[in-house]
Amino acid sequence: MIVLVALGISVSLFLGVLSEKIFKTSIDDWGNDAYSYNATALSLVRHQTIHDSSTFFYGPFQRPPGYAIFLAVVYGIFGEYPVAVFVSQILIWILTLILIFEIAKRFFDFPFSTIPPLMTAVYWGVATYVIDINSDVFALFLNTALIWSFFKWRDKSNSYFAVLQGILFAFLVLTKPIVLYAIPFYIVAMFIIKKRINKKLIIDILVVLIIALLPIGAWAQYNHKIVGNYGLASGALTLMRRADDVNFSKGRINSFVIASFFGDYVADYFYPGYANDPEPYTKESIEREKRYYQNQKQDKSNEGQLQAQYYAEAKNLIMSHPVKFVMLGSIYLQRLNSPVNLEGVELIHTFVVKDGSFSIIKFLILIGIHLVWLIFIFVVVFGVILAIRMDWKKWFLILFFILYFNGTYALLTHAEARYIIPVIPFYFFLVVVCWQRFRAYLSK
């Protein structure tokens, strides 16, 4: 355990120094997503409200309140310093690694149970977000704690763990709203994991639902009151980035597939010019977002109308070519699972330069890295199959969350690799499953 904690702290600090995020010690140093979260949190701390008289929310998009509430607690207790966030996230990072170990012990004997938390601790694609102001590591903690509390509830049959599941699920949805649609499947998992249906089970399920849905419903009602819709966050532009893919030509699809598997640099070799206008941040999508901001009132009071307009446009595009939309989701699935650099950014756009110069060495490096990573993904997929064959009921919740995060983000978003951080540790569970099967095969 000491080694695990030391490794988790040292890797996250090293990556924080390497990315220079650890040196951003003033709130004013943080922009983009961090600005929205910080501004909302500071409004809560200073004025006990999530917005002020000049605007209904901070930043270009309305974001869910879960992570901002966490930041508000940190700033309220320790002061308005990013370092306080770093320290707090290191603490929940350590707790997350411990919870991963506790879950792993339910599936593997020692020393195999140490592999998932150790691999999580050293995997840069997750650890780099510990020293950061973004919701990804917080969501990882919530999802891991939710799965841990689920298994504790199964073992103890204690309603306190039903209450804890409800609280964690509410915060998870209010941090990553896309998880809202997982609630019915989570209830199914609660039925599956118990051997028989009884009054106690029904009561615990109702407890989870009520505790989870009350704050979610309150936030939806609040949004309807201030901006006119029940959405948990602004998501129309994200969906539009996916929806307009139905207009892809055959050549665009081919280049997009190559880029998703091997990078924009490789795709540009076969389809010159692609790297200068790559998916999903195309020139057209950038112009669309500019129009959105231009139409957005200064106080954001017309956000509900804009969201409805863009959702309707996205729906029409999707319904015009539904099969094509779904099929392209499989390519975005690959982008979600792309290899990343030490800052957690996909290697898809690596080596691309404006002058379009080409190097065979860079070409081969990218192909090599992606092929190695594809082998890892293949092992994970094979692990899913083995886990289902071993004991699908025991693995149901973990496998469901892996498939759910991948499926929904691939289908409905532009699929950044960080979106699946909440389930990455469980990839390493499946690696262990494959390794144990391989050892068993060799021992025959």
Protein backbone atom coordinates (compact mmCIF):
# COMPACT_ATOMS: atom_id res chain seq x y z
CA MET A 1 0.00 0.00 0.00
CA ILE A 2 2.84 2.40 0.82
CA VAL A 3 4.43 1.71 -2.57
CA LEU A 4 1.09 2.35 -4.29
CA VAL A 5 0.57 5.68 -2.52
CA ALA A 6 4.17 6.80 -3.12
CA LEU A 7 3.95 5.85 -6.79
CA GLY A 8 0.63 7.64 -7.27
CA ILE A 9 1.93 10.85 -5.69
CA SER A 10 5.31 10.86 -7.44
CA VAL A 11 3.96 10.16 -10.94
CA SER A 12 1.25 12.81 -10.68
CA LEU A 13 3.71 15.40 -9.35
CA PHE A 14 6.26 14.55 -12.06
CA LEU A 15 3.65 15.00 -14.79
CA GLY A 16 2.44 18.22 -13.15
CA VAL A 17 5.97 19.62 -13.32
CA LEU A 18 6.49 18.35 -16.87
CA SER A 19 3.29 20.02 -18.10
CA GLU A 20 4.09 23.11 -15.97
CA LYS A 21 0.53 23.07 -14.60
CA ILE A 22 1.89 22.86 -11.08
CA PHE A 23 3.39 26.33 -11.54
CA LYS A 24 0.00 27.90 -12.28
CA THR A 25 -0.47 29.06 -8.70
CA SER A 26 -2.96 31.85 -9.36
CA ILE A 27 -6.60 31.35 -10.33
CA ASP A 28 -6.05 33.93 -13.08
CA ASP A 29 -3.55 31.53 -14.71
CA TRP A 30 -6.35 29.15 -15.62
CA GLY A 31 -8.58 29.57 -18.68
CA ASN A 32 -10.95 27.54 -20.86
CA ASP A 33 -12.82 24.84 -18.90
CA ALA A 34 -10.98 25.71 -15.69
CA TYR A 35 -12.20 29.31 -15.89
CA SER A 36 -15.86 28.19 -15.91
CA TYR A 37 -15.36 25.84 -12.99
CA ASN A 38 -13.36 28.37 -10.98
CA ALA A 39 -15.75 31.26 -11.60
CA THR A 40 -18.74 29.15 -10.55
CA ALA A 41 -16.94 27.88 -7.45
CA LEU A 42 -15.83 31.37 -6.41
CA SER A 43 -19.37 32.66 -6.86
CA LEU A 44 -20.57 29.95 -4.50
CA VAL A 45 -17.88 30.81 -1.95
CA ARG A 46 -18.25 34.58 -2.10
CA HIS A 47 -21.95 35.05 -2.82
CA GLN A 48 -23.54 31.65 -2.02
CA THR A 49 -25.03 31.55 -5.51
CA ILE A 50 -24.03 29.78 -8.70
CA HIS A 51 -24.34 32.93 -10.83
CA ASP A 52 -24.50 36.70 -10.41
CA SER A 53 -26.77 39.45 -11.74
CA SER A 54 -24.74 39.91 -14.94
CA THR A 55 -24.85 36.33 -16.25
CA PHE A 56 -26.68 33.06 -15.68
CA PHE A 57 -23.48 31.01 -15.96
CA TYR A 58 -19.77 31.55 -16.49
CA GLY A 59 -17.90 30.70 -19.68
CA PRO A 60 -19.30 30.01 -23.15
CA PHE A 61 -21.21 26.88 -22.08
CA GLN A 62 -23.25 25.98 -19.06
CA ARG A 63 -21.45 23.23 -17.19
CA PRO A 64 -22.84 20.81 -14.61
CA PRO A 65 -22.31 21.89 -10.98
CA GLY A 66 -20.70 18.79 -9.44
CA TYR A 67 -17.03 19.67 -9.86
CA ALA A 68 -17.64 23.37 -9.15
CA ILE A 69 -19.20 22.39 -5.81
CA PHE A 70 -16.08 20.33 -5.01
CA LEU A 71 -13.89 23.34 -5.87
CA ALA A 72 -16.08 25.62 -3.75
CA VAL A 73 -15.59 23.35 -0.73
CA VAL A 74 -11.82 23.34 -1.30
CA TYR A 75 -11.60 27.11 -1.77
CA GLY A 76 -13.92 27.74 1.15
CA ILE A 77 -11.83 25.67 3.56
CA PHE A 78 -8.26 26.18 2.37
CA GLY A 79 -8.39 29.50 0.53
CA GLU A 80 -8.71 30.50 -3.11
CA TYR A 81 -5.49 28.92 -4.34
CA PRO A 82 -5.04 26.34 -7.11
CA VAL A 83 -2.46 24.59 -4.91
CA ALA A 84 -5.30 23.74 -2.53
CA VAL A 85 -7.04 21.99 -5.44
CA PHE A 86 -3.87 20.11 -6.37
CA VAL A 87 -3.43 18.82 -2.82
CA SER A 88 -7.11 17.87 -2.55
CA GLN A 89 -6.99 16.02 -5.86
CA ILE A 90 -3.85 14.19 -4.82
CA LEU A 91 -5.76 13.02 -1.75
CA ILE A 92 -8.75 11.78 -3.76
CA TRP A 93 -6.29 10.27 -6.26
CA ILE A 94 -4.71 8.24 -3.44
CA LEU A 95 -8.16 7.24 -2.18
CA THR A 96 -9.14 6.23 -5.71
CA LEU A 97 -6.08 3.97 -6.03
CA ILE A 98 -6.89 2.36 -2.66
CA LEU A 99 -10.51 1.77 -3.74
CA ILE A 100 -9.32 0.23 -7.01
CA PHE A 101 -7.16 -2.13 -4.96
CA GLU A 102 -10.11 -2.99 -2.71
CA ILE A 103 -12.28 -3.78 -5.74
CA ALA A 104 -9.47 -5.77 -7.38
CA LYS A 105 -9.22 -8.01 -4.31
CA ARG A 106 -12.75 -9.18 -5.03
CA PHE A 107 -11.68 -10.48 -8.43
CA PHE A 108 -8.03 -11.52 -8.02
CA ASP A 109 -5.77 -13.05 -5.40
CA PHE A 110 -2.55 -11.37 -4.32
CA PRO A 111 -0.30 -10.34 -6.07
CA PHE A 112 -2.57 -10.01 -9.12
CA SER A 113 -4.88 -7.71 -7.18
CA THR A 114 -2.08 -5.14 -7.01
CA ILE A 115 -1.72 -4.87 -10.77
CA PRO A 116 -4.79 -2.70 -11.62
CA PRO A 117 -4.04 0.04 -9.04
CA LEU A 118 -0.32 0.03 -9.88
CA MET A 119 -1.01 0.29 -13.62
CA THR A 120 -3.49 3.09 -12.96
CA ALA A 121 -0.95 4.94 -10.81
CA VAL A 122 1.71 4.93 -13.55
CA TYR A 123 -0.56 5.43 -16.55
CA TRP A 124 0.14 8.99 -17.65
CA GLY A 125 -3.19 9.31 -19.45
CA VAL A 126 -4.92 9.45 -16.06
CA ALA A 127 -2.22 10.68 -13.65
CA THR A 128 -1.55 13.83 -15.70
CA TYR A 129 -5.00 15.18 -14.74
CA VAL A 130 -4.35 15.05 -10.98
CA ILE A 131 -2.45 18.35 -11.11
CA ASP A 132 -5.11 20.16 -13.10
CA ILE A 133 -8.38 22.00 -12.71
CA ASN A 134 -10.79 19.82 -14.61
CA SER A 135 -13.48 17.34 -13.67
CA ASP A 136 -11.93 14.13 -14.98
CA VAL A 137 -10.07 12.83 -11.89
CA PHE A 138 -13.00 13.86 -9.69
CA ALA A 139 -15.32 11.83 -11.95
CA LEU A 140 -12.88 8.89 -11.77
CA PHE A 141 -13.06 9.01 -7.97
CA LEU A 142 -16.87 9.17 -7.99
CA ASN A 143 -17.25 6.26 -10.41
CA THR A 144 -14.71 4.11 -8.54
CA ALA A 145 -16.31 4.89 -5.17
CA LEU A 146 -19.74 4.09 -6.63
CA ILE A 147 -18.59 0.66 -7.83
CA TRP A 148 -16.86 0.00 -4.48
CA SER A 149 -20.01 0.96 -2.54
CA PHE A 150 -22.07 -1.29 -4.82
CA PHE A 151 -19.99 -4.32 -3.87
CA LYS A 152 -19.98 -3.33 -0.19
CA TRP A 153 -23.78 -3.10 -0.34
CA ARG A 154 -23.93 -6.55 -1.91
CA ASP A 155 -21.77 -8.04 0.86
CA LYS A 156 -23.21 -6.23 3.88
CA SER A 157 -26.84 -5.71 2.78
CA ASN A 158 -26.57 -2.46 4.73
CA SER A 159 -28.84 0.39 3.69
CA TYR A 160 -26.11 2.88 4.57
CA PHE A 161 -24.34 1.75 1.41
CA ALA A 162 -27.56 2.25 -0.54
CA VAL A 163 -27.58 5.86 0.71
CA LEU A 164 -23.91 6.23 -0.27
CA GLN A 165 -24.62 4.88 -3.76
CA GLY A 166 -27.41 7.42 -4.22
CA ILE A 167 -25.16 10.33 -3.16
CA LEU A 168 -22.28 9.19 -5.37
CA PHE A 169 -24.55 8.62 -8.35
CA ALA A 170 -26.06 12.09 -7.98
CA PHE A 171 -22.64 13.73 -7.88
CA LEU A 172 -21.42 11.60 -10.80
CA VAL A 173 -24.37 12.67 -12.97
CA LEU A 174 -23.93 16.30 -11.90
CA THR A 175 -20.27 16.02 -12.95
CA LYS A 176 -20.73 13.94 -16.10
CA PRO A 177 -24.39 14.36 -17.16
CA ILE A 178 -24.12 11.67 -19.83
CA VAL A 179 -24.21 9.09 -16.99
CA LEU A 180 -27.87 10.01 -16.33
CA TYR A 181 -29.06 7.39 -18.79
CA ALA A 182 -27.12 4.69 -16.95
CA ILE A 183 -29.45 4.80 -13.96
CA PRO A 184 -31.95 2.15 -15.22
CA PHE A 185 -29.09 -0.24 -16.01
CA TYR A 186 -27.57 0.37 -12.59
CA ILE A 187 -30.86 -0.69 -11.00
CA VAL A 188 -30.78 -3.82 -13.16
CA ALA A 189 -27.28 -4.52 -11.81
CA MET A 190 -28.63 -4.28 -8.26
CA PHE A 191 -31.24 -6.90 -9.10
CA ILE A 192 -28.72 -9.15 -10.83
CA ILE A 193 -26.12 -9.12 -8.05
CA LYS A 194 -28.65 -10.27 -5.44
CA LYS A 195 -29.72 -13.90 -5.50
CA ARG A 196 -33.36 -13.22 -4.71
CA ILE A 197 -35.81 -10.34 -4.79
CA ASN A 198 -37.20 -9.30 -1.42
CA LYS A 199 -38.61 -6.28 0.38
CA LYS A 200 -35.16 -5.15 1.58
CA LEU A 201 -33.83 -5.08 -1.99
CA ILE A 202 -36.78 -3.03 -3.25
CA ILE A 203 -36.39 -0.53 -0.40
CA ASP A 204 -32.66 -0.13 -1.05
CA ILE A 205 -33.27 0.43 -4.77
CA LEU A 206 -35.86 3.08 -3.96
CA VAL A 207 -33.39 4.73 -1.57
CA VAL A 208 -30.74 4.88 -4.34
CA LEU A 209 -33.24 6.28 -6.85
CA ILE A 210 -34.72 8.91 -4.55
CA ILE A 211 -31.37 10.18 -3.23
CA ALA A 212 -29.87 10.25 -6.73
CA LEU A 213 -32.81 11.80 -8.57
CA LEU A 214 -33.71 14.54 -6.08
CA PRO A 215 -30.58 16.71 -6.63
CA ILE A 216 -30.52 15.86 -10.34
CA GLY A 217 -34.16 16.91 -10.65
CA ALA A 218 -33.52 20.05 -8.61
CA TRP A 219 -30.69 21.08 -10.95
CA ALA A 220 -32.87 20.38 -14.01
CA GLN A 221 -35.67 22.49 -12.51
CA TYR A 222 -33.20 25.28 -11.72
CA ASN A 223 -31.99 25.27 -15.34
CA HIS A 224 -35.53 25.42 -16.63
CA LYS A 225 -36.18 28.42 -14.41
CA ILE A 226 -33.16 30.44 -15.55
CA VAL A 227 -32.55 29.41 -19.18
CA GLY A 228 -35.76 27.66 -20.19
CA ASN A 229 -34.75 24.00 -20.58
CA TYR A 230 -34.29 20.97 -18.37
CA GLY A 231 -30.82 20.05 -19.64
CA LEU A 232 -28.10 19.39 -17.07
CA ALA A 233 -25.49 21.19 -19.20
CA SER A 234 -25.01 22.78 -22.62
CA GLY A 235 -24.46 19.91 -25.04
CA ALA A 236 -25.93 20.92 -28.40
CA LEU A 237 -22.67 22.02 -30.03
CA THR A 238 -20.97 18.81 -28.91
CA LEU A 239 -23.69 16.75 -30.56
CA MET A 240 -23.51 18.91 -33.69
CA ARG A 241 -19.82 18.01 -34.09
CA ARG A 242 -20.96 14.41 -34.44
CA ALA A 243 -24.17 14.99 -36.33
CA ASP A 244 -22.60 16.85 -39.23
CA ASP A 245 -20.43 13.80 -39.92
CA VAL A 246 -23.35 12.37 -41.90
CA ASN A 247 -22.30 14.76 -44.68
CA PHE A 248 -18.90 13.05 -45.04
CA SER A 249 -17.89 12.10 -48.55
CA LYS A 250 -16.32 8.70 -49.19
CA GLY A 251 -12.86 10.24 -49.32
CA ARG A 252 -13.46 12.13 -46.08
CA ILE A 253 -14.55 8.92 -44.37
CA ASN A 254 -11.45 7.09 -45.59
CA SER A 255 -9.12 9.82 -44.37
CA PHE A 256 -10.99 10.03 -41.07
CA VAL A 257 -10.59 6.28 -40.50
CA ILE A 258 -6.84 6.42 -41.20
CA ALA A 259 -6.45 9.45 -38.91
CA SER A 260 -8.39 7.77 -36.11
CA PHE A 261 -6.19 4.67 -36.19
CA PHE A 262 -2.79 6.18 -37.03
CA GLY A 263 -3.01 9.98 -36.75
CA ASP A 264 -3.65 13.03 -38.92
CA TYR A 265 -0.03 13.01 -40.11
CA VAL A 266 -0.43 9.55 -41.66
CA ALA A 267 -3.86 10.39 -43.08
CA ASP A 268 -2.44 13.52 -44.70
CA TYR A 269 0.09 11.39 -46.59
CA PHE A 270 -2.71 9.45 -48.31
CA TYR A 271 -5.17 12.37 -48.47
CA PRO A 272 -3.15 15.61 -48.81
CA GLY A 273 -4.70 18.55 -47.02
CA TYR A 274 -6.55 16.54 -44.37
CA ALA A 275 -4.23 17.59 -41.55
CA ASN A 276 -5.02 21.26 -42.18
CA ASP A 277 -8.75 20.66 -41.60
CA PRO A 278 -8.99 17.54 -39.43
CA GLU A 279 -11.97 16.10 -37.59
CA PRO A 280 -13.64 16.94 -35.29
CA TYR A 281 -12.37 20.55 -35.01
CA THR A 282 -12.97 21.46 -38.62
CA LYS A 283 -13.10 24.99 -39.97
CA GLU A 284 -16.85 24.56 -40.38
CA SER A 285 -17.37 23.53 -36.75
CA ILE A 286 -15.26 26.46 -35.54
CA GLU A 287 -17.35 28.88 -37.60
CA ARG A 288 -20.54 27.30 -36.22
CA GLU A 289 -19.35 27.88 -32.66
CA LYS A 290 -18.51 31.50 -33.50
CA ARG A 291 -22.08 32.00 -34.76
CA TYR A 292 -23.38 30.44 -31.55
CA TYR A 293 -21.40 32.88 -29.41
CA GLN A 294 -22.48 35.82 -31.56
CA ASN A 295 -26.14 34.92 -31.05
CA GLN A 296 -25.69 34.31 -27.34
CA LYS A 297 -26.90 37.22 -25.22
CA GLN A 298 -24.44 38.73 -22.79
CA ASP A 299 -26.34 37.44 -19.77
CA LYS A 300 -26.86 34.00 -21.46
CA SER A 301 -30.64 34.30 -20.96
CA ASN A 302 -31.35 32.88 -24.44
CA GLU A 303 -29.23 29.75 -23.85
CA GLY A 304 -32.31 27.52 -23.75
CA GLN A 305 -33.49 28.77 -27.14
CA LEU A 306 -30.05 28.34 -28.72
CA GLN A 307 -29.71 24.83 -27.31
CA ALA A 308 -33.15 23.86 -28.63
CA GLN A 309 -32.31 25.27 -32.06
CA TYR A 310 -29.02 23.42 -32.35
CA TYR A 311 -30.42 20.18 -30.93
CA ALA A 312 -33.19 20.31 -33.53
CA GLU A 313 -30.62 20.85 -36.29
CA ALA A 314 -28.51 17.97 -34.99
CA LYS A 315 -31.57 15.71 -34.81
CA ASN A 316 -32.50 16.48 -38.42
CA LEU A 317 -28.97 15.66 -39.59
CA ILE A 318 -28.91 12.39 -37.67
CA MET A 319 -32.33 11.31 -38.90
CA SER A 320 -31.33 12.06 -42.49
CA HIS A 321 -28.63 9.35 -42.35
CA PRO A 322 -29.12 7.36 -39.11
CA VAL A 323 -27.16 4.28 -40.21
CA LYS A 324 -24.19 6.35 -41.32
CA PHE A 325 -24.28 8.27 -38.03
CA VAL A 326 -24.18 5.07 -35.98
CA MET A 327 -21.53 3.42 -38.13
CA LEU A 328 -19.21 6.42 -37.78
CA GLY A 329 -19.59 6.00 -34.02
CA SER A 330 -17.39 2.91 -34.29
CA ILE A 331 -14.56 5.11 -35.60
CA TYR A 332 -15.04 7.55 -32.74
CA LEU A 333 -14.78 4.54 -30.44
CA GLN A 334 -11.23 4.13 -31.67
CA ARG A 335 -10.53 7.83 -31.10
CA LEU A 336 -11.75 7.51 -27.50
CA ASN A 337 -9.21 4.75 -27.03
CA SER A 338 -6.31 6.50 -28.75
CA PRO A 339 -2.82 6.59 -27.21
CA VAL A 340 -2.07 9.90 -25.51
CA ASN A 341 1.00 11.99 -24.76
CA LEU A 342 2.28 12.88 -21.28
CA GLU A 343 -0.28 15.69 -21.04
CA GLY A 344 -3.19 13.34 -21.78
CA VAL A 345 -3.76 14.68 -25.31
CA GLU A 346 -4.36 12.20 -28.12
CA LEU A 347 -1.42 11.55 -30.42
CA ILE A 348 -3.76 11.95 -33.38
CA HIS A 349 -2.45 15.39 -34.34
CA THR A 350 1.21 14.71 -33.46
CA PHE A 351 3.92 15.84 -35.94
CA VAL A 352 1.48 17.87 -38.06
CA VAL A 353 3.05 21.15 -39.28
CA LYS A 354 1.62 23.94 -41.40
CA ASP A 355 4.15 23.61 -44.21
CA GLY A 356 3.06 20.01 -44.84
CA SER A 357 6.61 18.60 -44.79
CA PHE A 358 6.87 14.82 -44.61
CA SER A 359 9.26 12.49 -42.76
CA ILE A 360 9.20 8.72 -43.18
CA ILE A 361 10.66 8.34 -39.68
CA LYS A 362 7.77 10.27 -38.11
CA PHE A 363 5.37 8.30 -40.31
CA LEU A 364 6.72 4.97 -39.04
CA ILE A 365 6.91 6.13 -35.41
CA LEU A 366 3.22 7.01 -35.42
CA ILE A 367 2.21 3.74 -37.02
CA GLY A 368 4.37 1.80 -34.55
CA ILE A 369 2.96 3.53 -31.47
CA HIS A 370 -0.61 3.08 -32.62
CA LEU A 371 -0.09 -0.60 -33.50
CA VAL A 372 1.31 -1.30 -30.03
CA TRP A 373 -1.64 0.50 -28.47
CA LEU A 374 -4.08 -1.44 -30.65
CA ILE A 375 -2.63 -4.65 -29.23
CA PHE A 376 -3.40 -3.35 -25.73
CA ILE A 377 -6.97 -2.53 -26.76
CA PHE A 378 -7.33 -6.00 -28.31
CA VAL A 379 -6.25 -7.54 -24.98
CA VAL A 380 -8.88 -5.46 -23.17
CA VAL A 381 -11.61 -6.55 -25.59
CA PHE A 382 -10.56 -10.19 -25.23
CA GLY A 383 -10.66 -9.67 -21.46
CA VAL A 384 -14.30 -8.58 -21.74
CA ILE A 385 -15.15 -11.85 -23.49
CA LEU A 386 -13.29 -13.91 -20.88
CA ALA A 387 -14.93 -12.04 -17.98
CA ILE A 388 -18.39 -12.69 -19.42
CA ARG A 389 -17.62 -16.38 -19.75
CA MET A 390 -16.16 -16.58 -16.24
CA ASP A 391 -18.95 -14.94 -14.23
CA TRP A 392 -21.01 -12.35 -16.08
CA LYS A 393 -23.14 -11.51 -13.04
CA LYS A 394 -20.11 -10.63 -10.91
CA TRP A 395 -18.58 -8.58 -13.73
CA PHE A 396 -21.82 -7.03 -14.94
CA LEU A 397 -21.49 -3.55 -13.40
CA ILE A 398 -17.84 -3.07 -14.34
CA LEU A 399 -18.37 -4.27 -17.90
CA PHE A 400 -21.52 -2.19 -18.20
CA PHE A 401 -19.75 1.03 -17.21
CA ILE A 402 -16.88 0.31 -19.62
CA LEU A 403 -19.28 -0.27 -22.49
CA TYR A 404 -21.56 2.60 -21.48
CA PHE A 405 -18.85 5.26 -21.28
CA ASN A 406 -17.36 4.10 -24.56
CA GLY A 407 -20.67 3.74 -26.36
CA THR A 408 -22.31 7.00 -25.33
CA TYR A 409 -19.24 9.17 -25.77
CA ALA A 410 -18.45 7.60 -29.16
CA LEU A 411 -22.00 8.03 -30.38
CA LEU A 412 -22.85 11.47 -29.00
CA THR A 413 -19.57 13.42 -28.71
CA HIS A 414 -16.34 14.20 -30.55
CA ALA A 415 -14.64 11.54 -28.38
CA GLU A 416 -11.67 12.95 -26.50
CA ALA A 417 -9.61 10.25 -24.78
CA ARG A 418 -10.05 11.86 -21.35
CA TYR A 419 -13.80 11.20 -21.48
CA ILE A 420 -13.26 7.54 -20.56
CA ILE A 421 -10.89 8.22 -17.65
CA PRO A 422 -13.59 7.07 -15.14
CA VAL A 423 -13.35 3.52 -16.51
CA ILE A 424 -9.67 3.27 -17.53
CA PRO A 425 -8.62 1.46 -14.30
CA PHE A 426 -11.01 -1.34 -15.14
CA TYR A 427 -9.24 -1.88 -18.46
CA PHE A 428 -6.34 -3.07 -16.32
CA PHE A 429 -8.67 -5.54 -14.57
CA LEU A 430 -9.31 -7.10 -17.96
CA VAL A 431 -5.58 -7.18 -18.74
CA VAL A 432 -5.11 -9.25 -15.57
CA VAL A 433 -7.91 -11.58 -16.65
CA CYS A 434 -6.10 -12.19 -19.95
CA TRP A 435 -2.75 -12.65 -18.22
CA GLN A 436 -4.17 -15.25 -15.84
CA ARG A 437 -5.76 -17.13 -18.72
CA PHE A 438 -2.46 -17.02 -20.62
CA ARG A 439 -0.57 -18.40 -17.61
CA ALA A 440 -3.13 -21.15 -17.21
CA TYR A 441 -2.74 -22.05 -20.87
CA LEU A 442 1.06 -22.23 -20.56
CA SER A 443 0.84 -24.45 -17.47
CA LYS A 444 -1.15 -27.13 -19.28
